[in-house]
Amino acid sequence: MRKSLLNNKSIIITGGTGSFGQAFTGALLNKYNPKKIIIFSRDEFKQYEMQLKFHKYKKKLRFFLGDIRDANRLGLAFEGVDIAIHAAALKQVPASEYNPFEFIKTNVLGTQNIIDAAHKNKVLKVLTLSTDKASSPINLYGATKLTADKITISANNFSPKTKYSVVRYGNVFGSRGSIVPKILNQLKDQFITVTDKRMTRFSITLDQGVSFVFNCLKKMQGGEIFVPKIPSYRVVDVIKALAPNKKIKIIGIRPGEKLHEELISQHESINSVEFKNYLIIMPAGKTKTTGKKIKPYLSYNSLENRYLTQNEIKECLNSLENRNI
């Protein structure tokens, strides 16, 4: 068992029954020796399934039913917590355009509740998971996640005993709501629907996302937005890899959808520094860093980026089959 700041610590994962939460929990139990892991989520059936999945670790796991909108419930869940991973969010872009107030309640006010609970319980570190849609947002989901990023970072100003940082990355390859399960569901149909053939997206695997979060927990000093260097893919290339003989039907861009995503905007690049495998958007006014300043007004986007080859896409698809996704 490796020596780590995670050993003998109590860790809470909000949205812990999701794909990330379960993968992070598995890696945490296999690689480290946490004192306790609290899985906080709304779905009782997913919690039941997760209890069965991690049955041999039942002495270390605690399952809290609750909603991050409920500040009192969060306050109880955060008692004795050392580290918080905030992964709970509403995420579907079309749903956010139709149900804006619900997204604000969960993604913004829920994040505020996380910050308050961490402050009151003197949590050591809080790491909020974000999305590429938070950079230069054009949809409500992205706007709520940008707000969540901002209030997470600003919490360092009034809660000096707790360090708050953010991880921002792109689509998890094969995750719910992404292009892969959508294509798989349409294999029996006459054609595959695509909103626009020009569309590109960032790509990261679930294991890469989990590993990056572990690394950020080690490095965070409070106030950073961590951004991994990851490749892009063309949506049509994924279709060619999965269904090379299928016809493609263009249905038009959905409300709030971008042709290309962005991880660091031109304005954010002014405060951004580069390392070998990742970048950091530094908090305003904080300049002490070993990273290399990136070119001002440079946009880190999925269009002007390295693309996955067909072989690399097929390797990603094979890894999903091995996970039974």
C-alpha atoms as a PDB file:
ATOM      1  CA  MET A   1       0.000   0.000   0.000  1.00  0.00           C
ATOM      2  CA  ARG A   2       1.582   3.280  -1.125  1.00  0.00           C
ATOM      3  CA  LYS A   3       2.198   6.175   1.242  1.00  0.00           C
ATOM      4  CA  SER A   4      -0.258   8.961   0.467  1.00  0.00           C
ATOM      5  CA  LEU A   5      -2.275  11.855   1.841  1.00  0.00           C
ATOM      6  CA  LEU A   6      -5.309   9.595   1.168  1.00  0.00           C
ATOM      7  CA  ASN A   7      -4.269   6.905   3.633  1.00  0.00           C
ATOM      8  CA  ASN A   8      -6.203   6.880   6.911  1.00  0.00           C
ATOM      9  CA  LYS A   9      -8.410   9.735   5.669  1.00  0.00           C
ATOM     10  CA  SER A  10     -12.191  10.053   5.524  1.00  0.00           C
ATOM     11  CA  ILE A  11     -13.241  10.883   1.963  1.00  0.00           C
ATOM     12  CA  ILE A  12     -16.668  11.861   0.662  1.00  0.00           C
ATOM     13  CA  ILE A  13     -17.677  11.578  -2.995  1.00  0.00           C
ATOM     14  CA  THR A  14     -20.810  13.468  -4.000  1.00  0.00           C
ATOM     15  CA  GLY A  15     -22.542  11.826  -6.938  1.00  0.00           C
ATOM     16  CA  GLY A  16     -20.612   8.784  -5.781  1.00  0.00           C
ATOM     17  CA  THR A  17     -22.786   6.194  -7.538  1.00  0.00           C
ATOM     18  CA  GLY A  18     -22.046   7.634 -10.985  1.00  0.00           C
ATOM     19  CA  SER A  19     -19.466   6.204 -13.398  1.00  0.00           C
ATOM     20  CA  PHE A  20     -16.692   8.411 -12.064  1.00  0.00           C
ATOM     21  CA  GLY A  21     -17.624   7.858  -8.421  1.00  0.00           C
ATOM     22  CA  GLN A  22     -17.575   4.088  -8.756  1.00  0.00           C
ATOM     23  CA  ALA A  23     -14.301   4.043 -10.707  1.00  0.00           C
ATOM     24  CA  PHE A  24     -12.685   6.458  -8.239  1.00  0.00           C
ATOM     25  CA  THR A  25     -13.901   4.394  -5.281  1.00  0.00           C
ATOM     26  CA  GLY A  26     -12.486   1.203  -6.800  1.00  0.00           C
ATOM     27  CA  ALA A  27      -9.097   2.809  -7.456  1.00  0.00           C
ATOM     28  CA  LEU A  28      -9.048   4.374  -3.988  1.00  0.00           C
ATOM     29  CA  LEU A  29      -9.675   1.019  -2.310  1.00  0.00           C
ATOM     30  CA  ASN A  30      -7.178  -0.856  -4.490  1.00  0.00           C
ATOM     31  CA  LYS A  31      -4.291   1.628  -4.311  1.00  0.00           C
ATOM     32  CA  TYR A  32      -4.649   3.310  -0.921  1.00  0.00           C
ATOM     33  CA  ASN A  33      -5.832   2.675   2.607  1.00  0.00           C
ATOM     34  CA  PRO A  34      -8.582   5.220   3.354  1.00  0.00           C
ATOM     35  CA  LYS A  35     -10.141   5.284   6.796  1.00  0.00           C
ATOM     36  CA  LYS A  36     -13.643   5.712   5.378  1.00  0.00           C
ATOM     37  CA  ILE A  37     -15.321   6.486   2.039  1.00  0.00           C
ATOM     38  CA  ILE A  38     -18.710   8.178   2.120  1.00  0.00           C
ATOM     39  CA  ILE A  39     -20.821   7.706  -1.020  1.00  0.00           C
ATOM     40  CA  PHE A  40     -23.312  10.565  -1.177  1.00  0.00           C
ATOM     41  CA  SER A  41     -26.026  10.348  -3.845  1.00  0.00           C
ATOM     42  CA  ARG A  42     -29.784  10.419  -4.489  1.00  0.00           C
ATOM     43  CA  ASP A  43     -30.288   7.003  -6.082  1.00  0.00           C
ATOM     44  CA  GLU A  44     -31.033   4.261  -3.532  1.00  0.00           C
ATOM     45  CA  PHE A  45     -30.950   1.464  -6.120  1.00  0.00           C
ATOM     46  CA  LYS A  46     -27.535   2.502  -7.422  1.00  0.00           C
ATOM     47  CA  GLN A  47     -26.325   2.612  -3.834  1.00  0.00           C
ATOM     48  CA  TYR A  48     -27.655  -0.915  -3.313  1.00  0.00           C
ATOM     49  CA  GLU A  49     -25.867  -2.123  -6.464  1.00  0.00           C
ATOM     50  CA  MET A  50     -22.661  -0.402  -5.381  1.00  0.00           C
ATOM     51  CA  GLN A  51     -22.844  -2.026  -1.947  1.00  0.00           C
ATOM     52  CA  LEU A  52     -22.980  -5.421  -3.657  1.00  0.00           C
ATOM     53  CA  LYS A  53     -20.149  -4.518  -6.018  1.00  0.00           C
ATOM     54  CA  PHE A  54     -17.832  -3.448  -3.176  1.00  0.00           C
ATOM     55  CA  HIS A  55     -19.096  -5.937  -0.603  1.00  0.00           C
ATOM     56  CA  LYS A  56     -15.633  -7.009   0.592  1.00  0.00           C
ATOM     57  CA  TYR A  57     -14.880  -3.376   1.538  1.00  0.00           C
ATOM     58  CA  LYS A  58     -18.113  -2.825   3.454  1.00  0.00           C
ATOM     59  CA  LYS A  59     -16.287  -1.849   6.658  1.00  0.00           C
ATOM     60  CA  LYS A  60     -14.770   1.152   4.908  1.00  0.00           C
ATOM     61  CA  LEU A  61     -17.840   2.299   2.955  1.00  0.00           C
ATOM     62  CA  ARG A  62     -20.717   4.479   4.161  1.00  0.00           C
ATOM     63  CA  PHE A  63     -23.729   5.151   1.945  1.00  0.00           C
ATOM     64  CA  PHE A  64     -25.562   8.439   2.495  1.00  0.00           C
ATOM     65  CA  LEU A  65     -28.819   9.016   0.657  1.00  0.00           C
ATOM     66  CA  GLY A  66     -29.228  12.703   0.058  1.00  0.00           C
ATOM     67  CA  ASP A  67     -29.303  15.604  -2.369  1.00  0.00           C
ATOM     68  CA  ILE A  68     -26.639  18.305  -2.489  1.00  0.00           C
ATOM     69  CA  ARG A  69     -29.525  20.788  -2.515  1.00  0.00           C
ATOM     70  CA  ASP A  70     -30.156  19.771   1.124  1.00  0.00           C
ATOM     71  CA  ALA A  71     -27.637  21.748   3.191  1.00  0.00           C
ATOM     72  CA  ASN A  72     -28.589  20.082   6.482  1.00  0.00           C
ATOM     73  CA  ARG A  73     -28.100  16.579   5.104  1.00  0.00           C
ATOM     74  CA  LEU A  74     -24.739  17.584   3.610  1.00  0.00           C
ATOM     75  CA  GLY A  75     -23.685  19.020   6.956  1.00  0.00           C
ATOM     76  CA  LEU A  76     -24.241  15.637   8.592  1.00  0.00           C
ATOM     77  CA  ALA A  77     -22.491  13.753   5.788  1.00  0.00           C
ATOM     78  CA  PHE A  78     -19.415  16.011   6.017  1.00  0.00           C
ATOM     79  CA  GLU A  79     -18.818  15.436   9.739  1.00  0.00           C
ATOM     80  CA  GLY A  80     -15.292  14.110  10.224  1.00  0.00           C
ATOM     81  CA  VAL A  81     -14.465  14.342   6.493  1.00  0.00           C
ATOM     82  CA  ASP A  82     -10.886  15.144   5.454  1.00  0.00           C
ATOM     83  CA  ILE A  83     -11.223  15.255   1.642  1.00  0.00           C
ATOM     84  CA  ALA A  84     -14.246  15.922  -0.583  1.00  0.00           C
ATOM     85  CA  ILE A  85     -14.592  15.034  -4.263  1.00  0.00           C
ATOM     86  CA  HIS A  86     -17.579  16.935  -5.644  1.00  0.00           C
ATOM     87  CA  ALA A  87     -18.849  15.046  -8.715  1.00  0.00           C
ATOM     88  CA  ALA A  88     -22.623  15.503  -8.323  1.00  0.00           C
ATOM     89  CA  ALA A  89     -24.277  17.527 -11.090  1.00  0.00           C
ATOM     90  CA  LEU A  90     -27.071  17.688 -13.618  1.00  0.00           C
ATOM     91  CA  LYS A  91     -25.350  17.377 -17.001  1.00  0.00           C
ATOM     92  CA  GLN A  92     -27.622  17.034 -20.038  1.00  0.00           C
ATOM     93  CA  VAL A  93     -27.461  20.124 -22.266  1.00  0.00           C
ATOM     94  CA  PRO A  94     -30.971  19.910 -23.811  1.00  0.00           C
ATOM     95  CA  ALA A  95     -32.481  19.281 -20.359  1.00  0.00           C
ATOM     96  CA  SER A  96     -30.709  22.350 -18.990  1.00  0.00           C
ATOM     97  CA  GLU A  97     -32.236  24.568 -21.682  1.00  0.00           C
ATOM     98  CA  TYR A  98     -35.729  23.344 -20.781  1.00  0.00           C
ATOM     99  CA  ASN A  99     -35.259  23.120 -16.996  1.00  0.00           C
ATOM    100  CA  PRO A 100     -32.904  25.988 -16.125  1.00  0.00           C
ATOM    101  CA  PHE A 101     -33.963  26.502 -12.514  1.00  0.00           C
ATOM    102  CA  GLU A 102     -33.363  22.838 -11.655  1.00  0.00           C
ATOM    103  CA  PHE A 103     -29.811  23.037 -12.998  1.00  0.00           C
ATOM    104  CA  ILE A 104     -29.152  26.214 -11.027  1.00  0.00           C
ATOM    105  CA  LYS A 105     -30.432  24.593  -7.820  1.00  0.00           C
ATOM    106  CA  THR A 106     -28.190  21.551  -8.207  1.00  0.00           C
ATOM    107  CA  ASN A 107     -25.068  22.791  -9.970  1.00  0.00           C
ATOM    108  CA  VAL A 108     -24.786  26.245  -8.399  1.00  0.00           C
ATOM    109  CA  LEU A 109     -26.642  26.225  -5.074  1.00  0.00           C
ATOM    110  CA  GLY A 110     -25.644  22.608  -4.483  1.00  0.00           C
ATOM    111  CA  THR A 111     -21.984  23.532  -4.933  1.00  0.00           C
ATOM    112  CA  GLN A 112     -22.451  26.414  -2.505  1.00  0.00           C
ATOM    113  CA  ASN A 113     -23.816  23.896   0.008  1.00  0.00           C
ATOM    114  CA  ILE A 114     -20.704  21.733  -0.511  1.00  0.00           C
ATOM    115  CA  ILE A 115     -18.470  24.726   0.193  1.00  0.00           C
ATOM    116  CA  ASP A 116     -20.428  25.675   3.322  1.00  0.00           C
ATOM    117  CA  ALA A 117     -20.392  22.101   4.654  1.00  0.00           C
ATOM    118  CA  ALA A 118     -16.646  21.793   4.017  1.00  0.00           C
ATOM    119  CA  HIS A 119     -15.964  25.137   5.729  1.00  0.00           C
ATOM    120  CA  LYS A 120     -18.033  24.316   8.811  1.00  0.00           C
ATOM    121  CA  ASN A 121     -16.465  20.860   9.171  1.00  0.00           C
ATOM    122  CA  LYS A 122     -12.890  22.047   8.528  1.00  0.00           C
ATOM    123  CA  VAL A 123     -12.338  19.716   5.570  1.00  0.00           C
ATOM    124  CA  LEU A 124      -8.733  19.732   4.326  1.00  0.00           C
ATOM    125  CA  LYS A 125      -9.333  19.643   0.557  1.00  0.00           C
ATOM    126  CA  VAL A 126     -12.304  20.036  -1.786  1.00  0.00           C
ATOM    127  CA  LEU A 127     -11.913  19.165  -5.476  1.00  0.00           C
ATOM    128  CA  THR A 128     -14.832  20.027  -7.754  1.00  0.00           C
ATOM    129  CA  LEU A 129     -15.206  18.205 -11.084  1.00  0.00           C
ATOM    130  CA  SER A 130     -16.037  20.491 -13.987  1.00  0.00           C
ATOM    131  CA  THR A 131     -16.452  20.231 -17.752  1.00  0.00           C
ATOM    132  CA  ASP A 132     -15.173  21.732 -20.987  1.00  0.00           C
ATOM    133  CA  LYS A 133     -18.619  23.290 -21.389  1.00  0.00           C
ATOM    134  CA  ALA A 134     -17.739  25.681 -18.546  1.00  0.00           C
ATOM    135  CA  SER A 135     -15.260  27.479 -20.815  1.00  0.00           C
ATOM    136  CA  SER A 136     -16.960  30.245 -22.853  1.00  0.00           C
ATOM    137  CA  PRO A 137     -20.377  28.670 -22.163  1.00  0.00           C
ATOM    138  CA  ILE A 138     -23.250  29.088 -24.608  1.00  0.00           C
ATOM    139  CA  ASN A 139     -25.678  26.746 -22.834  1.00  0.00           C
ATOM    140  CA  LEU A 140     -27.151  26.927 -19.358  1.00  0.00           C
ATOM    141  CA  TYR A 141     -25.401  23.752 -18.212  1.00  0.00           C
ATOM    142  CA  GLY A 142     -22.029  25.272 -19.081  1.00  0.00           C
ATOM    143  CA  ALA A 143     -22.985  28.529 -17.378  1.00  0.00           C
ATOM    144  CA  THR A 144     -23.912  26.719 -14.164  1.00  0.00           C
ATOM    145  CA  LYS A 145     -20.658  24.773 -14.197  1.00  0.00           C
ATOM    146  CA  LEU A 146     -18.625  27.942 -14.807  1.00  0.00           C
ATOM    147  CA  THR A 147     -20.407  29.466 -11.816  1.00  0.00           C
ATOM    148  CA  ALA A 148     -19.616  26.362  -9.772  1.00  0.00           C
ATOM    149  CA  ASP A 149     -15.950  26.714 -10.811  1.00  0.00           C
ATOM    150  CA  LYS A 150     -15.917  30.363  -9.758  1.00  0.00           C
ATOM    151  CA  ILE A 151     -17.514  29.880  -6.345  1.00  0.00           C
ATOM    152  CA  THR A 152     -15.267  26.886  -5.635  1.00  0.00           C
ATOM    153  CA  ILE A 153     -12.152  28.929  -6.359  1.00  0.00           C
ATOM    154  CA  SER A 154     -13.424  32.002  -4.466  1.00  0.00           C
ATOM    155  CA  ALA A 155     -14.050  29.868  -1.360  1.00  0.00           C
ATOM    156  CA  ASN A 156     -10.289  30.010  -0.733  1.00  0.00           C
ATOM    157  CA  ASN A 157     -10.725  33.680   0.166  1.00  0.00           C
ATOM    158  CA  PHE A 158     -12.871  33.079   3.249  1.00  0.00           C
ATOM    159  CA  SER A 159     -11.969  29.529   4.246  1.00  0.00           C
ATOM    160  CA  PRO A 160      -8.159  29.472   4.666  1.00  0.00           C
ATOM    161  CA  LYS A 161      -8.097  26.126   6.499  1.00  0.00           C
ATOM    162  CA  THR A 162      -9.668  24.378   3.495  1.00  0.00           C
ATOM    163  CA  LYS A 163      -8.121  24.211   0.018  1.00  0.00           C
ATOM    164  CA  TYR A 164     -10.591  24.390  -2.881  1.00  0.00           C
ATOM    165  CA  SER A 165      -9.642  23.566  -6.491  1.00  0.00           C
ATOM    166  CA  VAL A 166     -11.286  22.432  -9.733  1.00  0.00           C
ATOM    167  CA  VAL A 167     -10.608  19.719 -12.325  1.00  0.00           C
ATOM    168  CA  ARG A 168     -11.900  20.507 -15.815  1.00  0.00           C
ATOM    169  CA  TYR A 169     -11.828  17.897 -18.574  1.00  0.00           C
ATOM    170  CA  GLY A 170     -13.763  16.804 -21.642  1.00  0.00           C
ATOM    171  CA  ASN A 171     -16.177  14.008 -22.512  1.00  0.00           C
ATOM    172  CA  VAL A 172     -15.478  10.686 -20.841  1.00  0.00           C
ATOM    173  CA  PHE A 173     -15.306   8.294 -23.772  1.00  0.00           C
ATOM    174  CA  GLY A 174     -18.342   6.015 -23.766  1.00  0.00           C
ATOM    175  CA  SER A 175     -20.077   7.695 -20.824  1.00  0.00           C
ATOM    176  CA  ARG A 176     -23.858   8.048 -20.613  1.00  0.00           C
ATOM    177  CA  GLY A 177     -25.093  10.767 -22.951  1.00  0.00           C
ATOM    178  CA  SER A 178     -21.952  10.643 -25.109  1.00  0.00           C
ATOM    179  CA  ILE A 179     -21.746   9.688 -28.769  1.00  0.00           C
ATOM    180  CA  VAL A 180     -20.729   6.017 -28.283  1.00  0.00           C
ATOM    181  CA  PRO A 181     -23.874   4.684 -26.530  1.00  0.00           C
ATOM    182  CA  LYS A 182     -25.972   6.785 -28.903  1.00  0.00           C
ATOM    183  CA  ILE A 183     -24.381   5.095 -31.932  1.00  0.00           C
ATOM    184  CA  LEU A 184     -24.728   1.652 -30.343  1.00  0.00           C
ATOM    185  CA  ASN A 185     -28.437   2.273 -29.802  1.00  0.00           C
ATOM    186  CA  GLN A 186     -28.833   3.170 -33.487  1.00  0.00           C
ATOM    187  CA  LEU A 187     -26.984   0.194 -34.976  1.00  0.00           C
ATOM    188  CA  LYS A 188     -30.286  -1.535 -35.699  1.00  0.00           C
ATOM    189  CA  ASP A 189     -31.655   1.562 -37.462  1.00  0.00           C
ATOM    190  CA  GLN A 190     -31.299   2.481 -41.104  1.00  0.00           C
ATOM    191  CA  PHE A 191     -28.874   5.325 -40.360  1.00  0.00           C
ATOM    192  CA  ILE A 192     -26.894   7.034 -37.594  1.00  0.00           C
ATOM    193  CA  THR A 193     -28.006  10.548 -36.712  1.00  0.00           C
ATOM    194  CA  VAL A 194     -25.449  13.334 -36.294  1.00  0.00           C
ATOM    195  CA  THR A 195     -26.170  16.955 -35.488  1.00  0.00           C
ATOM    196  CA  ASP A 196     -23.281  18.226 -37.662  1.00  0.00           C
ATOM    197  CA  LYS A 197     -20.488  16.389 -39.522  1.00  0.00           C
ATOM    198  CA  ARG A 198     -17.951  19.036 -38.511  1.00  0.00           C
ATOM    199  CA  MET A 199     -18.416  18.389 -34.802  1.00  0.00           C
ATOM    200  CA  THR A 200     -15.375  17.609 -32.643  1.00  0.00           C
ATOM    201  CA  ARG A 201     -15.043  16.730 -28.965  1.00  0.00           C
ATOM    202  CA  PHE A 202     -12.273  16.285 -26.410  1.00  0.00           C
ATOM    203  CA  SER A 203     -11.796  12.723 -25.233  1.00  0.00           C
ATOM    204  CA  ILE A 204     -10.601  11.187 -21.995  1.00  0.00           C
ATOM    205  CA  THR A 205     -11.102   7.658 -20.725  1.00  0.00           C
ATOM    206  CA  LEU A 206     -12.641   6.981 -17.331  1.00  0.00           C
ATOM    207  CA  ASP A 207      -9.353   5.567 -16.007  1.00  0.00           C
ATOM    208  CA  GLN A 208      -7.456   8.629 -17.240  1.00  0.00           C
ATOM    209  CA  GLY A 209      -9.984  10.912 -15.545  1.00  0.00           C
ATOM    210  CA  VAL A 210      -9.676   9.052 -12.238  1.00  0.00           C
ATOM    211  CA  SER A 211      -5.870   9.085 -12.414  1.00  0.00           C
ATOM    212  CA  PHE A 212      -5.854  12.808 -13.169  1.00  0.00           C
ATOM    213  CA  VAL A 213      -8.050  13.548 -10.146  1.00  0.00           C
ATOM    214  CA  PHE A 214      -5.659  11.598  -7.890  1.00  0.00           C
ATOM    215  CA  ASN A 215      -2.727  13.635  -9.234  1.00  0.00           C
ATOM    216  CA  CYS A 216      -4.579  16.909  -8.748  1.00  0.00           C
ATOM    217  CA  LEU A 217      -5.400  16.014  -5.138  1.00  0.00           C
ATOM    218  CA  LYS A 218      -1.671  15.640  -4.506  1.00  0.00           C
ATOM    219  CA  LYS A 219      -0.672  18.869  -6.273  1.00  0.00           C
ATOM    220  CA  MET A 220      -3.470  21.269  -5.347  1.00  0.00           C
ATOM    221  CA  GLN A 221      -2.631  24.286  -3.195  1.00  0.00           C
ATOM    222  CA  GLY A 222      -6.053  25.903  -3.514  1.00  0.00           C
ATOM    223  CA  GLY A 223      -7.426  28.090  -6.296  1.00  0.00           C
ATOM    224  CA  GLU A 224      -6.250  26.131  -9.344  1.00  0.00           C
ATOM    225  CA  ILE A 225      -8.321  24.868 -12.263  1.00  0.00           C
ATOM    226  CA  PHE A 226      -6.483  21.765 -13.497  1.00  0.00           C
ATOM    227  CA  VAL A 227      -6.823  20.884 -17.195  1.00  0.00           C
ATOM    228  CA  PRO A 228      -5.343  17.678 -18.684  1.00  0.00           C
ATOM    229  CA  LYS A 229      -3.740  17.583 -22.108  1.00  0.00           C
ATOM    230  CA  ILE A 230      -6.063  15.253 -23.990  1.00  0.00           C
ATOM    231  CA  PRO A 231      -6.779  14.501 -27.659  1.00  0.00           C
ATOM    232  CA  SER A 232      -9.890  15.253 -29.669  1.00  0.00           C
ATOM    233  CA  TYR A 233     -12.010  13.138 -31.971  1.00  0.00           C
ATOM    234  CA  ARG A 234     -14.230  13.893 -34.921  1.00  0.00           C
ATOM    235  CA  VAL A 235     -17.698  12.529 -34.265  1.00  0.00           C
ATOM    236  CA  VAL A 236     -17.844  11.049 -37.777  1.00  0.00           C
ATOM    237  CA  ASP A 237     -14.589   9.154 -37.095  1.00  0.00           C
ATOM    238  CA  VAL A 238     -16.187   7.440 -34.102  1.00  0.00           C
ATOM    239  CA  ILE A 239     -19.154   6.471 -36.302  1.00  0.00           C
ATOM    240  CA  LYS A 240     -16.795   5.047 -38.938  1.00  0.00           C
ATOM    241  CA  ALA A 241     -15.056   2.964 -36.278  1.00  0.00           C
ATOM    242  CA  LEU A 242     -18.302   1.614 -34.819  1.00  0.00           C
ATOM    243  CA  ALA A 243     -20.513   1.397 -37.881  1.00  0.00           C
ATOM    244  CA  PRO A 244     -18.442   1.812 -41.066  1.00  0.00           C
ATOM    245  CA  ASN A 245     -21.260   0.755 -43.393  1.00  0.00           C
ATOM    246  CA  LYS A 246     -24.023   2.857 -41.885  1.00  0.00           C
ATOM    247  CA  LYS A 247     -25.443   5.938 -43.553  1.00  0.00           C
ATOM    248  CA  ILE A 248     -25.281   9.223 -41.649  1.00  0.00           C
ATOM    249  CA  LYS A 249     -28.270  11.530 -41.323  1.00  0.00           C
ATOM    250  CA  ILE A 250     -27.661  15.179 -40.374  1.00  0.00           C
ATOM    251  CA  ILE A 251     -30.343  16.469 -37.986  1.00  0.00           C
ATOM    252  CA  GLY A 252     -28.958  19.885 -37.022  1.00  0.00           C
ATOM    253  CA  ILE A 253     -27.336  21.262 -33.895  1.00  0.00           C
ATOM    254  CA  ARG A 254     -29.428  21.029 -30.722  1.00  0.00           C
ATOM    255  CA  PRO A 255     -30.169  24.052 -28.523  1.00  0.00           C
ATOM    256  CA  GLY A 256     -27.071  25.017 -26.571  1.00  0.00           C
ATOM    257  CA  GLU A 257     -24.747  22.685 -28.497  1.00  0.00           C
ATOM    258  CA  LYS A 258     -21.319  23.765 -29.779  1.00  0.00           C
ATOM    259  CA  LEU A 259     -19.535  22.544 -32.897  1.00  0.00           C
ATOM    260  CA  HIS A 260     -16.278  22.439 -30.951  1.00  0.00           C
ATOM    261  CA  GLU A 261     -15.576  22.416 -27.223  1.00  0.00           C
ATOM    262  CA  GLU A 262     -13.009  24.429 -25.295  1.00  0.00           C
ATOM    263  CA  LEU A 263     -11.025  23.683 -22.145  1.00  0.00           C
ATOM    264  CA  ILE A 264      -9.241  27.023 -21.779  1.00  0.00           C
ATOM    265  CA  SER A 265     -10.630  30.199 -23.320  1.00  0.00           C
ATOM    266  CA  GLN A 266      -8.546  33.000 -24.794  1.00  0.00           C
ATOM    267  CA  HIS A 267      -9.094  35.135 -21.699  1.00  0.00           C
ATOM    268  CA  GLU A 268      -8.343  32.293 -19.285  1.00  0.00           C
ATOM    269  CA  SER A 269      -5.058  31.640 -21.091  1.00  0.00           C
ATOM    270  CA  ILE A 270      -3.639  34.880 -19.665  1.00  0.00           C
ATOM    271  CA  ASN A 271      -3.487  33.234 -16.230  1.00  0.00           C
ATOM    272  CA  SER A 272      -2.621  29.734 -17.472  1.00  0.00           C
ATOM    273  CA  VAL A 273       0.613  27.762 -17.134  1.00  0.00           C
ATOM    274  CA  GLU A 274       1.740  24.585 -18.831  1.00  0.00           C
ATOM    275  CA  PHE A 275       3.314  21.388 -17.537  1.00  0.00           C
ATOM    276  CA  LYS A 276       4.218  18.191 -19.399  1.00  0.00           C
ATOM    277  CA  ASN A 277       0.811  16.487 -19.232  1.00  0.00           C
ATOM    278  CA  TYR A 278      -1.524  19.191 -17.986  1.00  0.00           C
ATOM    279  CA  LEU A 279      -2.226  22.900 -17.688  1.00  0.00           C
ATOM    280  CA  ILE A 280      -3.395  25.034 -14.771  1.00  0.00           C
ATOM    281  CA  ILE A 281      -5.583  28.115 -14.877  1.00  0.00           C
ATOM    282  CA  MET A 282      -4.094  29.985 -11.935  1.00  0.00           C
ATOM    283  CA  PRO A 283      -6.222  32.126  -9.605  1.00  0.00           C
ATOM    284  CA  ALA A 284      -6.038  35.847 -10.362  1.00  0.00           C
ATOM    285  CA  GLY A 285      -3.074  37.512  -8.679  1.00  0.00           C
ATOM    286  CA  LYS A 286      -1.300  34.238  -7.907  1.00  0.00           C
ATOM    287  CA  THR A 287       1.863  34.040  -9.984  1.00  0.00           C
ATOM    288  CA  LYS A 288       4.181  31.726  -8.017  1.00  0.00           C
ATOM    289  CA  THR A 289       4.403  28.538 -10.063  1.00  0.00           C
ATOM    290  CA  THR A 290       6.950  26.265 -11.710  1.00  0.00           C
ATOM    291  CA  GLY A 291       4.839  26.012 -14.850  1.00  0.00           C
ATOM    292  CA  LYS A 292       5.568  27.671 -18.174  1.00  0.00           C
ATOM    293  CA  LYS A 293       3.312  30.563 -19.113  1.00  0.00           C
ATOM    294  CA  ILE A 294       1.311  29.771 -22.246  1.00  0.00           C
ATOM    295  CA  LYS A 295       0.820  32.174 -25.106  1.00  0.00           C
ATOM    296  CA  PRO A 296      -1.743  34.877 -24.205  1.00  0.00           C
ATOM    297  CA  TYR A 297      -5.121  34.693 -25.938  1.00  0.00           C
ATOM    298  CA  LEU A 298      -4.550  31.100 -26.978  1.00  0.00           C
ATOM    299  CA  SER A 299      -7.694  28.985 -27.014  1.00  0.00           C
ATOM    300  CA  TYR A 300      -7.285  25.326 -26.073  1.00  0.00           C
ATOM    301  CA  ASN A 301     -10.135  23.829 -28.105  1.00  0.00           C
ATOM    302  CA  SER A 302     -11.127  20.520 -29.660  1.00  0.00           C
ATOM    303  CA  LEU A 303     -10.825  21.798 -33.248  1.00  0.00           C
ATOM    304  CA  GLU A 304      -7.188  22.936 -33.152  1.00  0.00           C
ATOM    305  CA  ASN A 305      -5.878  19.862 -31.398  1.00  0.00           C
ATOM    306  CA  ARG A 306      -4.442  16.402 -31.996  1.00  0.00           C
ATOM    307  CA  TYR A 307      -7.118  13.956 -33.167  1.00  0.00           C
ATOM    308  CA  LEU A 308      -7.462  10.310 -32.205  1.00  0.00           C
ATOM    309  CA  THR A 309      -6.624   7.999 -35.103  1.00  0.00           C
ATOM    310  CA  GLN A 310      -9.003   5.224 -36.123  1.00  0.00           C
ATOM    311  CA  ASN A 311      -6.763   2.710 -34.330  1.00  0.00           C
ATOM    312  CA  GLU A 312      -6.785   4.803 -31.163  1.00  0.00           C
ATOM    313  CA  ILE A 313     -10.577   5.090 -31.307  1.00  0.00           C
ATOM    314  CA  LYS A 314     -10.824   1.310 -31.679  1.00  0.00           C
ATOM    315  CA  GLU A 315      -8.523   0.873 -28.648  1.00  0.00           C
ATOM    316  CA  CYS A 316     -10.862   3.112 -26.630  1.00  0.00           C
ATOM    317  CA  LEU A 317     -13.832   1.038 -27.794  1.00  0.00           C
ATOM    318  CA  ASN A 318     -12.044  -2.177 -26.810  1.00  0.00           C
ATOM    319  CA  SER A 319     -11.388  -0.788 -23.332  1.00  0.00           C
ATOM    320  CA  LEU A 320     -15.131  -0.118 -22.990  1.00  0.00           C
ATOM    321  CA  GLU A 321     -15.904  -3.735 -23.936  1.00  0.00           C
ATOM    322  CA  ASN A 322     -13.471  -4.914 -21.270  1.00  0.00           C
ATOM    323  CA  ARG A 323     -15.383  -2.813 -18.733  1.00  0.00           C
ATOM    324  CA  ASN A 324     -18.667  -4.281 -20.018  1.00  0.00           C
ATOM    325  CA  ILE A 325     -19.975  -0.844 -20.924  1.00  0.00           C
END
